[in-house]
Amino acid sequence: MTETDWTTLGMSLGPVQMLVLEFDRERVTGQVLPELRRLGEAGTVRLLDVLIVTRQRDTGELEITEKTDLSDDEFERLEPLIAALVGLGSGGEQASVRGAVDGVAEGLDAWYLADRIPAGSTAAVFLIEHLWAIPLRDAISRAGGIALADEWVHPADLVAIGMAGAAAGT
């Protein structure tokens, strides 16, 4: 969606990250949402949507909960966009979970969250708007710049690059 499209929704939206995490249900401490809310209060990020999926240990059944920090007005305006981002649609809980993961896994080998959650585990799909990046994005746009690539570099990637460099003698 272009910046103009975001503006027609009545708001300028910053870059949105989809983060999918798995938790051992017995070890969930409840620290992630408070930290995201702290970052929200600081104006760093905004939690657009959270989909929490738990597979019961005894029955294997899925429990799905959706949460948002958006106001009712914001949610009403952004609900179609959020649904499109996570691939949600009609068809019940199983289809919603599969659609959410399809949205995450676009361009990758198909995998399904419902199939990947072990019994007794919980997965969370977070849609996080990076508010801090809006002024940077706008400055880049005003300067006539465009993004050629955009990728998160994880610590394990940096370790692998360092090990490859050391093995090559650099």
N, C-alpha and C. Protein backbone atom coordinates (compact mmCIF):
# COMPACT_ATOMS: atom_id res chain seq x y z
N MET A 1 0.84 -1.16 0.00
CA MET A 1 0.00 0.00 0.00
C MET A 1 0.89 1.24 0.00
N THR A 2 0.55 2.23 -0.73
CA THR A 2 1.37 3.44 -0.80
C THR A 2 1.02 4.36 0.35
N GLU A 3 1.85 5.38 0.55
CA GLU A 3 1.58 6.36 1.61
C GLU A 3 0.23 7.03 1.39
N THR A 4 -0.12 7.31 0.14
CA THR A 4 -1.41 7.92 -0.16
C THR A 4 -2.55 7.02 0.31
N ASP A 5 -2.40 5.72 0.09
CA ASP A 5 -3.44 4.79 0.53
C ASP A 5 -3.61 4.82 2.05
N TRP A 6 -2.49 4.91 2.80
CA TRP A 6 -2.58 4.98 4.25
C TRP A 6 -3.33 6.24 4.66
N THR A 7 -3.04 7.34 3.97
CA THR A 7 -3.67 8.61 4.31
C THR A 7 -5.17 8.56 4.08
N THR A 8 -5.62 7.83 3.07
CA THR A 8 -7.06 7.73 2.82
C THR A 8 -7.76 6.99 3.96
N LEU A 9 -7.00 6.23 4.75
CA LEU A 9 -7.58 5.57 5.92
C LEU A 9 -7.73 6.55 7.07
N GLY A 10 -7.27 7.79 6.87
CA GLY A 10 -7.41 8.80 7.91
C GLY A 10 -6.25 8.82 8.87
N MET A 11 -5.16 8.13 8.55
CA MET A 11 -4.00 8.12 9.42
C MET A 11 -2.78 7.74 8.61
N SER A 12 -1.63 8.18 9.07
CA SER A 12 -0.37 7.77 8.47
C SER A 12 0.16 6.62 9.29
N LEU A 13 0.38 5.49 8.68
CA LEU A 13 0.82 4.29 9.38
C LEU A 13 2.30 4.11 9.16
N GLY A 14 3.02 3.80 10.22
CA GLY A 14 4.44 3.53 10.12
C GLY A 14 4.67 2.12 9.62
N PRO A 15 5.95 1.75 9.47
CA PRO A 15 6.26 0.38 9.05
C PRO A 15 5.67 -0.63 10.03
N VAL A 16 5.10 -1.69 9.50
CA VAL A 16 4.45 -2.71 10.32
C VAL A 16 5.27 -4.00 10.24
N GLN A 17 5.58 -4.55 11.39
CA GLN A 17 6.31 -5.81 11.49
C GLN A 17 5.37 -6.89 11.99
N MET A 18 5.43 -8.07 11.38
CA MET A 18 4.71 -9.21 11.90
C MET A 18 5.73 -10.11 12.59
N LEU A 19 5.50 -10.40 13.85
CA LEU A 19 6.40 -11.20 14.66
C LEU A 19 5.62 -12.41 15.16
N VAL A 20 6.11 -13.61 14.86
CA VAL A 20 5.46 -14.84 15.29
C VAL A 20 6.38 -15.54 16.28
N LEU A 21 5.88 -15.76 17.49
CA LEU A 21 6.68 -16.37 18.56
C LEU A 21 5.97 -17.60 19.10
N GLU A 22 6.76 -18.58 19.54
CA GLU A 22 6.19 -19.75 20.21
C GLU A 22 6.65 -19.74 21.66
N PHE A 23 5.74 -20.12 22.55
CA PHE A 23 6.03 -20.18 23.98
C PHE A 23 5.59 -21.52 24.53
N ASP A 24 6.38 -22.06 25.46
CA ASP A 24 5.96 -23.21 26.24
C ASP A 24 4.91 -22.70 27.21
N ARG A 25 3.72 -23.23 27.14
CA ARG A 25 2.60 -22.69 27.92
C ARG A 25 2.90 -22.65 29.41
N GLU A 26 3.64 -23.62 29.91
CA GLU A 26 3.94 -23.64 31.34
C GLU A 26 4.98 -22.60 31.74
N ARG A 27 5.70 -22.05 30.77
CA ARG A 27 6.76 -21.10 31.08
C ARG A 27 6.40 -19.66 30.71
N VAL A 28 5.21 -19.42 30.17
CA VAL A 28 4.81 -18.07 29.80
C VAL A 28 4.74 -17.22 31.08
N THR A 29 5.46 -16.11 31.06
CA THR A 29 5.56 -15.28 32.26
C THR A 29 4.76 -13.99 32.17
N GLY A 30 4.23 -13.71 31.00
CA GLY A 30 3.45 -12.49 30.85
C GLY A 30 4.30 -11.23 30.76
N GLN A 31 5.55 -11.34 30.32
CA GLN A 31 6.43 -10.19 30.24
C GLN A 31 6.42 -9.50 28.89
N VAL A 32 5.97 -10.15 27.84
CA VAL A 32 6.07 -9.60 26.49
C VAL A 32 5.07 -8.46 26.28
N LEU A 33 3.80 -8.69 26.57
CA LEU A 33 2.80 -7.63 26.36
C LEU A 33 3.07 -6.39 27.20
N PRO A 34 3.44 -6.52 28.48
CA PRO A 34 3.77 -5.30 29.23
C PRO A 34 4.95 -4.53 28.62
N GLU A 35 5.93 -5.25 28.08
CA GLU A 35 7.06 -4.56 27.45
C GLU A 35 6.62 -3.85 26.18
N LEU A 36 5.77 -4.50 25.38
CA LEU A 36 5.24 -3.83 24.18
C LEU A 36 4.40 -2.61 24.57
N ARG A 37 3.65 -2.71 25.64
CA ARG A 37 2.85 -1.57 26.10
C ARG A 37 3.76 -0.45 26.62
N ARG A 38 4.87 -0.80 27.29
CA ARG A 38 5.82 0.21 27.75
C ARG A 38 6.42 0.95 26.55
N LEU A 39 6.78 0.18 25.51
CA LEU A 39 7.30 0.80 24.29
C LEU A 39 6.24 1.67 23.63
N GLY A 40 4.97 1.25 23.73
CA GLY A 40 3.88 2.05 23.19
C GLY A 40 3.72 3.37 23.93
N GLU A 41 3.79 3.32 25.26
CA GLU A 41 3.68 4.53 26.07
C GLU A 41 4.83 5.49 25.79
N ALA A 42 5.99 4.94 25.40
CA ALA A 42 7.16 5.77 25.07
C ALA A 42 7.09 6.32 23.65
N GLY A 43 6.07 5.88 22.87
CA GLY A 43 5.93 6.36 21.50
C GLY A 43 6.84 5.67 20.51
N THR A 44 7.40 4.53 20.90
CA THR A 44 8.33 3.80 20.04
C THR A 44 7.59 2.89 19.07
N VAL A 45 6.61 2.15 19.57
CA VAL A 45 5.83 1.23 18.75
C VAL A 45 4.36 1.35 19.13
N ARG A 46 3.51 0.77 18.29
CA ARG A 46 2.09 0.63 18.62
C ARG A 46 1.71 -0.80 18.27
N LEU A 47 1.07 -1.47 19.20
CA LEU A 47 0.61 -2.83 19.00
C LEU A 47 -0.71 -2.78 18.25
N LEU A 48 -0.68 -3.17 16.98
CA LEU A 48 -1.90 -3.13 16.17
C LEU A 48 -2.81 -4.31 16.45
N ASP A 49 -2.21 -5.49 16.59
CA ASP A 49 -3.04 -6.68 16.75
C ASP A 49 -2.18 -7.80 17.33
N VAL A 50 -2.81 -8.65 18.12
CA VAL A 50 -2.16 -9.84 18.66
C VAL A 50 -3.13 -11.00 18.49
N LEU A 51 -2.64 -12.07 17.90
CA LEU A 51 -3.41 -13.30 17.78
C LEU A 51 -2.67 -14.34 18.61
N ILE A 52 -3.31 -14.85 19.66
CA ILE A 52 -2.69 -15.84 20.54
C ILE A 52 -3.39 -17.17 20.30
N VAL A 53 -2.58 -18.18 19.97
CA VAL A 53 -3.11 -19.50 19.65
C VAL A 53 -2.47 -20.52 20.58
N THR A 54 -3.31 -21.24 21.34
CA THR A 54 -2.83 -22.24 22.29
C THR A 54 -3.36 -23.61 21.90
N ARG A 55 -2.48 -24.61 21.89
CA ARG A 55 -2.91 -25.99 21.66
C ARG A 55 -2.96 -26.68 23.02
N GLN A 56 -4.16 -27.15 23.37
CA GLN A 56 -4.36 -27.84 24.65
C GLN A 56 -3.53 -29.12 24.70
N ARG A 57 -2.89 -29.34 25.84
CA ARG A 57 -2.03 -30.51 26.00
C ARG A 57 -2.83 -31.81 25.94
N ASP A 58 -4.00 -31.84 26.58
CA ASP A 58 -4.76 -33.08 26.68
C ASP A 58 -5.60 -33.39 25.44
N THR A 59 -6.21 -32.38 24.82
CA THR A 59 -7.12 -32.63 23.71
C THR A 59 -6.54 -32.27 22.35
N GLY A 60 -5.51 -31.44 22.33
CA GLY A 60 -4.96 -30.99 21.05
C GLY A 60 -5.77 -29.89 20.39
N GLU A 61 -6.86 -29.49 21.03
CA GLU A 61 -7.72 -28.44 20.48
C GLU A 61 -7.02 -27.08 20.56
N LEU A 62 -7.39 -26.21 19.62
CA LEU A 62 -6.82 -24.87 19.59
C LEU A 62 -7.75 -23.87 20.28
N GLU A 63 -7.15 -22.98 21.06
CA GLU A 63 -7.86 -21.84 21.63
C GLU A 63 -7.24 -20.60 21.00
N ILE A 64 -8.08 -19.70 20.49
CA ILE A 64 -7.58 -18.51 19.81
C ILE A 64 -8.15 -17.27 20.48
N THR A 65 -7.26 -16.33 20.77
CA THR A 65 -7.65 -15.06 21.37
C THR A 65 -7.03 -13.95 20.53
N GLU A 66 -7.79 -12.91 20.27
CA GLU A 66 -7.27 -11.75 19.54
C GLU A 66 -7.37 -10.53 20.43
N LYS A 67 -6.30 -9.71 20.43
CA LYS A 67 -6.26 -8.49 21.23
C LYS A 67 -5.74 -7.36 20.35
N THR A 68 -6.06 -6.15 20.72
CA THR A 68 -5.54 -4.97 20.02
C THR A 68 -5.43 -3.81 21.00
N ASP A 69 -4.51 -2.91 20.73
CA ASP A 69 -4.40 -1.68 21.51
C ASP A 69 -4.97 -0.49 20.76
N LEU A 70 -5.62 -0.75 19.63
CA LEU A 70 -6.21 0.34 18.85
C LEU A 70 -7.52 0.79 19.48
N SER A 71 -7.84 2.07 19.29
CA SER A 71 -9.15 2.56 19.72
C SER A 71 -10.20 1.92 18.81
N ASP A 72 -11.47 2.00 19.21
CA ASP A 72 -12.54 1.43 18.38
C ASP A 72 -12.54 2.04 16.99
N ASP A 73 -12.35 3.37 16.91
CA ASP A 73 -12.34 4.06 15.62
C ASP A 73 -11.15 3.61 14.76
N GLU A 74 -9.97 3.54 15.37
CA GLU A 74 -8.78 3.08 14.62
C GLU A 74 -8.96 1.64 14.15
N PHE A 75 -9.48 0.79 15.04
CA PHE A 75 -9.66 -0.60 14.68
C PHE A 75 -10.65 -0.74 13.52
N GLU A 76 -11.74 0.04 13.57
CA GLU A 76 -12.73 -0.02 12.50
C GLU A 76 -12.10 0.36 11.15
N ARG A 77 -11.27 1.40 11.16
CA ARG A 77 -10.62 1.83 9.92
C ARG A 77 -9.55 0.86 9.44
N LEU A 78 -8.83 0.24 10.39
CA LEU A 78 -7.69 -0.61 10.03
C LEU A 78 -8.00 -2.10 9.98
N GLU A 79 -9.19 -2.50 10.44
CA GLU A 79 -9.51 -3.93 10.51
C GLU A 79 -9.32 -4.65 9.18
N PRO A 80 -9.79 -4.10 8.04
CA PRO A 80 -9.55 -4.81 6.78
C PRO A 80 -8.07 -4.94 6.45
N LEU A 81 -7.29 -3.92 6.75
CA LEU A 81 -5.86 -3.97 6.50
C LEU A 81 -5.19 -5.01 7.39
N ILE A 82 -5.53 -5.01 8.67
CA ILE A 82 -4.95 -5.98 9.60
C ILE A 82 -5.31 -7.40 9.16
N ALA A 83 -6.56 -7.61 8.82
CA ALA A 83 -6.98 -8.94 8.36
C ALA A 83 -6.20 -9.36 7.12
N ALA A 84 -6.00 -8.42 6.20
CA ALA A 84 -5.24 -8.75 4.99
C ALA A 84 -3.78 -9.06 5.33
N LEU A 85 -3.19 -8.30 6.26
CA LEU A 85 -1.79 -8.52 6.62
C LEU A 85 -1.58 -9.89 7.23
N VAL A 86 -2.50 -10.33 8.08
CA VAL A 86 -2.31 -11.62 8.72
C VAL A 86 -3.08 -12.73 8.02
N GLY A 87 -3.78 -12.41 6.94
CA GLY A 87 -4.45 -13.44 6.15
C GLY A 87 -5.71 -13.97 6.78
N LEU A 88 -6.32 -13.22 7.68
CA LEU A 88 -7.54 -13.70 8.33
C LEU A 88 -8.74 -13.58 7.41
N GLY A 89 -9.66 -14.46 7.56
CA GLY A 89 -10.88 -14.41 6.77
C GLY A 89 -11.92 -15.28 7.42
N SER A 90 -12.98 -15.50 6.72
CA SER A 90 -14.02 -16.36 7.27
C SER A 90 -13.59 -17.80 7.16
N GLY A 91 -14.27 -18.67 7.83
CA GLY A 91 -13.96 -20.09 7.73
C GLY A 91 -13.60 -20.70 9.07
N GLY A 92 -13.80 -19.99 10.17
CA GLY A 92 -13.56 -20.57 11.47
C GLY A 92 -12.15 -20.38 11.96
N GLU A 93 -11.92 -20.88 13.18
CA GLU A 93 -10.64 -20.66 13.83
C GLU A 93 -9.48 -21.31 13.10
N GLN A 94 -9.66 -22.56 12.68
CA GLN A 94 -8.56 -23.25 11.99
C GLN A 94 -8.17 -22.50 10.72
N ALA A 95 -9.16 -22.07 9.95
CA ALA A 95 -8.87 -21.34 8.71
C ALA A 95 -8.22 -20.00 9.03
N SER A 96 -8.63 -19.36 10.12
CA SER A 96 -8.02 -18.09 10.50
C SER A 96 -6.55 -18.27 10.84
N VAL A 97 -6.24 -19.31 11.61
CA VAL A 97 -4.85 -19.57 11.96
C VAL A 97 -4.04 -19.87 10.71
N ARG A 98 -4.57 -20.73 9.85
CA ARG A 98 -3.86 -21.05 8.61
C ARG A 98 -3.68 -19.80 7.76
N GLY A 99 -4.69 -18.97 7.68
CA GLY A 99 -4.59 -17.74 6.89
C GLY A 99 -3.56 -16.78 7.48
N ALA A 100 -3.51 -16.70 8.80
CA ALA A 100 -2.53 -15.82 9.43
C ALA A 100 -1.12 -16.26 9.08
N VAL A 101 -0.88 -17.54 9.14
CA VAL A 101 0.46 -18.02 8.83
C VAL A 101 0.75 -17.93 7.35
N ASP A 102 -0.25 -18.12 6.51
CA ASP A 102 -0.04 -17.92 5.07
C ASP A 102 0.45 -16.50 4.81
N GLY A 103 -0.14 -15.53 5.52
CA GLY A 103 0.31 -14.15 5.36
C GLY A 103 1.75 -13.97 5.77
N VAL A 104 2.16 -14.63 6.86
CA VAL A 104 3.55 -14.56 7.33
C VAL A 104 4.48 -15.25 6.36
N ALA A 105 4.06 -16.38 5.84
CA ALA A 105 4.96 -17.24 5.09
C ALA A 105 4.93 -16.99 3.58
N GLU A 106 4.30 -15.91 3.14
CA GLU A 106 4.24 -15.63 1.71
C GLU A 106 5.65 -15.59 1.14
N GLY A 107 5.87 -16.33 0.09
CA GLY A 107 7.18 -16.39 -0.54
C GLY A 107 8.07 -17.46 0.06
N LEU A 108 7.64 -18.11 1.12
CA LEU A 108 8.40 -19.19 1.75
C LEU A 108 7.67 -20.49 1.51
N ASP A 109 8.33 -21.61 1.87
CA ASP A 109 7.62 -22.89 1.82
C ASP A 109 6.41 -22.79 2.73
N ALA A 110 5.29 -23.32 2.28
CA ALA A 110 4.06 -23.24 3.06
C ALA A 110 4.22 -24.00 4.37
N TRP A 111 3.82 -23.38 5.47
CA TRP A 111 3.75 -24.04 6.76
C TRP A 111 2.55 -23.45 7.48
N TYR A 112 2.03 -24.19 8.39
CA TYR A 112 0.81 -23.77 9.04
C TYR A 112 1.02 -23.73 10.55
N LEU A 113 0.67 -22.61 11.14
CA LEU A 113 0.82 -22.43 12.57
C LEU A 113 0.10 -23.52 13.34
N ALA A 114 -1.11 -23.84 12.94
CA ALA A 114 -1.88 -24.86 13.65
C ALA A 114 -1.15 -26.19 13.66
N ASP A 115 -0.41 -26.50 12.60
CA ASP A 115 0.32 -27.76 12.53
C ASP A 115 1.64 -27.70 13.29
N ARG A 116 2.14 -26.51 13.54
CA ARG A 116 3.47 -26.34 14.14
C ARG A 116 3.43 -26.20 15.66
N ILE A 117 2.27 -25.90 16.22
CA ILE A 117 2.20 -25.68 17.67
C ILE A 117 2.09 -27.03 18.37
N PRO A 118 3.10 -27.38 19.17
CA PRO A 118 3.01 -28.65 19.91
C PRO A 118 1.95 -28.54 21.01
N ALA A 119 1.42 -29.68 21.42
CA ALA A 119 0.45 -29.71 22.52
C ALA A 119 1.09 -29.05 23.74
N GLY A 120 0.32 -28.20 24.41
CA GLY A 120 0.79 -27.51 25.60
C GLY A 120 1.59 -26.24 25.30
N SER A 121 1.64 -25.84 24.03
CA SER A 121 2.38 -24.63 23.66
C SER A 121 1.44 -23.53 23.19
N THR A 122 1.96 -22.33 23.16
CA THR A 122 1.21 -21.16 22.71
C THR A 122 2.05 -20.42 21.68
N ALA A 123 1.40 -19.95 20.62
CA ALA A 123 2.05 -19.08 19.64
C ALA A 123 1.35 -17.74 19.66
N ALA A 124 2.13 -16.70 19.43
CA ALA A 124 1.57 -15.35 19.37
C ALA A 124 2.01 -14.70 18.08
N VAL A 125 1.04 -14.11 17.37
CA VAL A 125 1.32 -13.35 16.16
C VAL A 125 1.08 -11.89 16.51
N PHE A 126 2.14 -11.10 16.51
CA PHE A 126 2.07 -9.69 16.85
C PHE A 126 2.18 -8.85 15.59
N LEU A 127 1.31 -7.86 15.42
CA LEU A 127 1.47 -6.84 14.39
C LEU A 127 1.88 -5.57 15.13
N ILE A 128 3.12 -5.14 14.86
CA ILE A 128 3.71 -4.03 15.58
C ILE A 128 4.01 -2.90 14.60
N GLU A 129 3.45 -1.73 14.85
CA GLU A 129 3.76 -0.55 14.04
C GLU A 129 4.95 0.15 14.67
N HIS A 130 5.98 0.42 13.88
CA HIS A 130 7.18 1.09 14.37
C HIS A 130 7.03 2.60 14.20
N LEU A 131 6.54 3.25 15.27
CA LEU A 131 6.28 4.69 15.24
C LEU A 131 7.57 5.49 15.10
N TRP A 132 8.65 4.99 15.68
CA TRP A 132 9.93 5.70 15.62
C TRP A 132 10.40 5.88 14.18
N ALA A 133 9.98 5.00 13.28
CA ALA A 133 10.48 5.01 11.91
C ALA A 133 9.72 5.98 11.00
N ILE A 134 8.59 6.52 11.46
CA ILE A 134 7.80 7.41 10.60
C ILE A 134 8.58 8.65 10.19
N PRO A 135 9.22 9.40 11.13
CA PRO A 135 9.98 10.57 10.71
C PRO A 135 11.14 10.21 9.77
N LEU A 136 11.80 9.08 10.01
CA LEU A 136 12.89 8.65 9.14
C LEU A 136 12.36 8.33 7.75
N ARG A 137 11.26 7.58 7.68
CA ARG A 137 10.65 7.25 6.39
C ARG A 137 10.26 8.52 5.64
N ASP A 138 9.66 9.47 6.35
CA ASP A 138 9.25 10.72 5.71
C ASP A 138 10.44 11.52 5.21
N ALA A 139 11.53 11.55 5.99
CA ALA A 139 12.74 12.26 5.56
C ALA A 139 13.34 11.61 4.32
N ILE A 140 13.36 10.30 4.28
CA ILE A 140 13.86 9.58 3.11
C ILE A 140 13.01 9.91 1.89
N SER A 141 11.71 9.94 2.08
CA SER A 141 10.79 10.25 0.98
C SER A 141 10.99 11.68 0.48
N ARG A 142 11.11 12.63 1.40
CA ARG A 142 11.33 14.03 1.01
C ARG A 142 12.64 14.20 0.25
N ALA A 143 13.63 13.38 0.56
CA ALA A 143 14.93 13.44 -0.11
C ALA A 143 14.94 12.67 -1.42
N GLY A 144 13.80 12.09 -1.77
CA GLY A 144 13.70 11.34 -3.03
C GLY A 144 14.24 9.93 -2.95
N GLY A 145 14.48 9.44 -1.76
CA GLY A 145 15.01 8.08 -1.59
C GLY A 145 13.91 7.04 -1.59
N ILE A 146 14.28 5.84 -1.99
CA ILE A 146 13.37 4.70 -1.94
C ILE A 146 14.12 3.51 -1.37
N ALA A 147 13.41 2.63 -0.70
CA ALA A 147 14.02 1.44 -0.12
C ALA A 147 14.32 0.42 -1.21
N LEU A 148 15.55 -0.02 -1.27
CA LEU A 148 15.93 -1.07 -2.22
C LEU A 148 15.89 -2.44 -1.56
N ALA A 149 16.08 -2.48 -0.25
CA ALA A 149 16.02 -3.74 0.50
C ALA A 149 15.64 -3.39 1.93
N ASP A 150 15.04 -4.36 2.60
CA ASP A 150 14.62 -4.17 3.97
C ASP A 150 14.66 -5.54 4.64
N GLU A 151 15.52 -5.71 5.61
CA GLU A 151 15.66 -7.03 6.24
C GLU A 151 16.09 -6.85 7.68
N TRP A 152 15.56 -7.68 8.57
CA TRP A 152 16.02 -7.72 9.95
C TRP A 152 17.23 -8.64 10.00
N VAL A 153 18.29 -8.22 10.69
CA VAL A 153 19.46 -9.06 10.88
C VAL A 153 19.45 -9.52 12.33
N HIS A 154 19.39 -10.82 12.53
CA HIS A 154 19.30 -11.39 13.86
C HIS A 154 20.69 -11.72 14.40
N PRO A 155 20.86 -11.75 15.70
CA PRO A 155 22.17 -12.05 16.29
C PRO A 155 22.79 -13.35 15.76
N ALA A 156 21.98 -14.38 15.56
CA ALA A 156 22.51 -15.64 15.03
C ALA A 156 23.10 -15.45 13.63
N ASP A 157 22.50 -14.55 12.85
CA ASP A 157 23.03 -14.25 11.51
C ASP A 157 24.40 -13.60 11.62
N LEU A 158 24.55 -12.67 12.56
CA LEU A 158 25.83 -12.00 12.76
C LEU A 158 26.91 -12.98 13.21
N VAL A 159 26.53 -13.90 14.10
CA VAL A 159 27.48 -14.93 14.55
C VAL A 159 27.92 -15.79 13.37
N ALA A 160 26.96 -16.20 12.53
CA ALA A 160 27.29 -17.03 11.38
C ALA A 160 28.22 -16.29 10.42
N ILE A 161 27.97 -15.00 10.20
CA ILE A 161 28.83 -14.19 9.32
C ILE A 161 30.23 -14.11 9.93
N GLY A 162 30.31 -13.88 11.23
CA GLY A 162 31.62 -13.81 11.91
C GLY A 162 32.38 -15.11 11.83
N MET A 163 31.66 -16.23 12.00
CA MET A 163 32.31 -17.54 11.93
C MET A 163 32.78 -17.83 10.50
N ALA A 164 31.98 -17.44 9.51
CA ALA A 164 32.38 -17.66 8.13
C ALA A 164 33.61 -16.81 7.81
N GLY A 165 33.63 -15.57 8.30
CA GLY A 165 34.79 -14.71 8.09
C GLY A 165 36.04 -15.26 8.75
N ALA A 166 35.89 -15.79 9.98
CA ALA A 166 37.03 -16.36 10.69
C ALA A 166 37.55 -17.60 9.97
N ALA A 167 36.62 -18.43 9.45
CA ALA A 167 37.03 -19.63 8.73
C ALA A 167 37.75 -19.28 7.44
N ALA A 168 37.38 -18.15 6.83
CA ALA A 168 38.01 -17.73 5.57
C ALA A 168 39.31 -16.97 5.84
N GLY A 169 39.61 -16.70 7.14
CA GLY A 169 40.85 -16.02 7.48
C GLY A 169 40.79 -14.52 7.33
N THR A 170 39.58 -13.94 7.36
CA THR A 170 39.47 -12.49 7.23
C THR A 170 39.31 -11.84 8.58
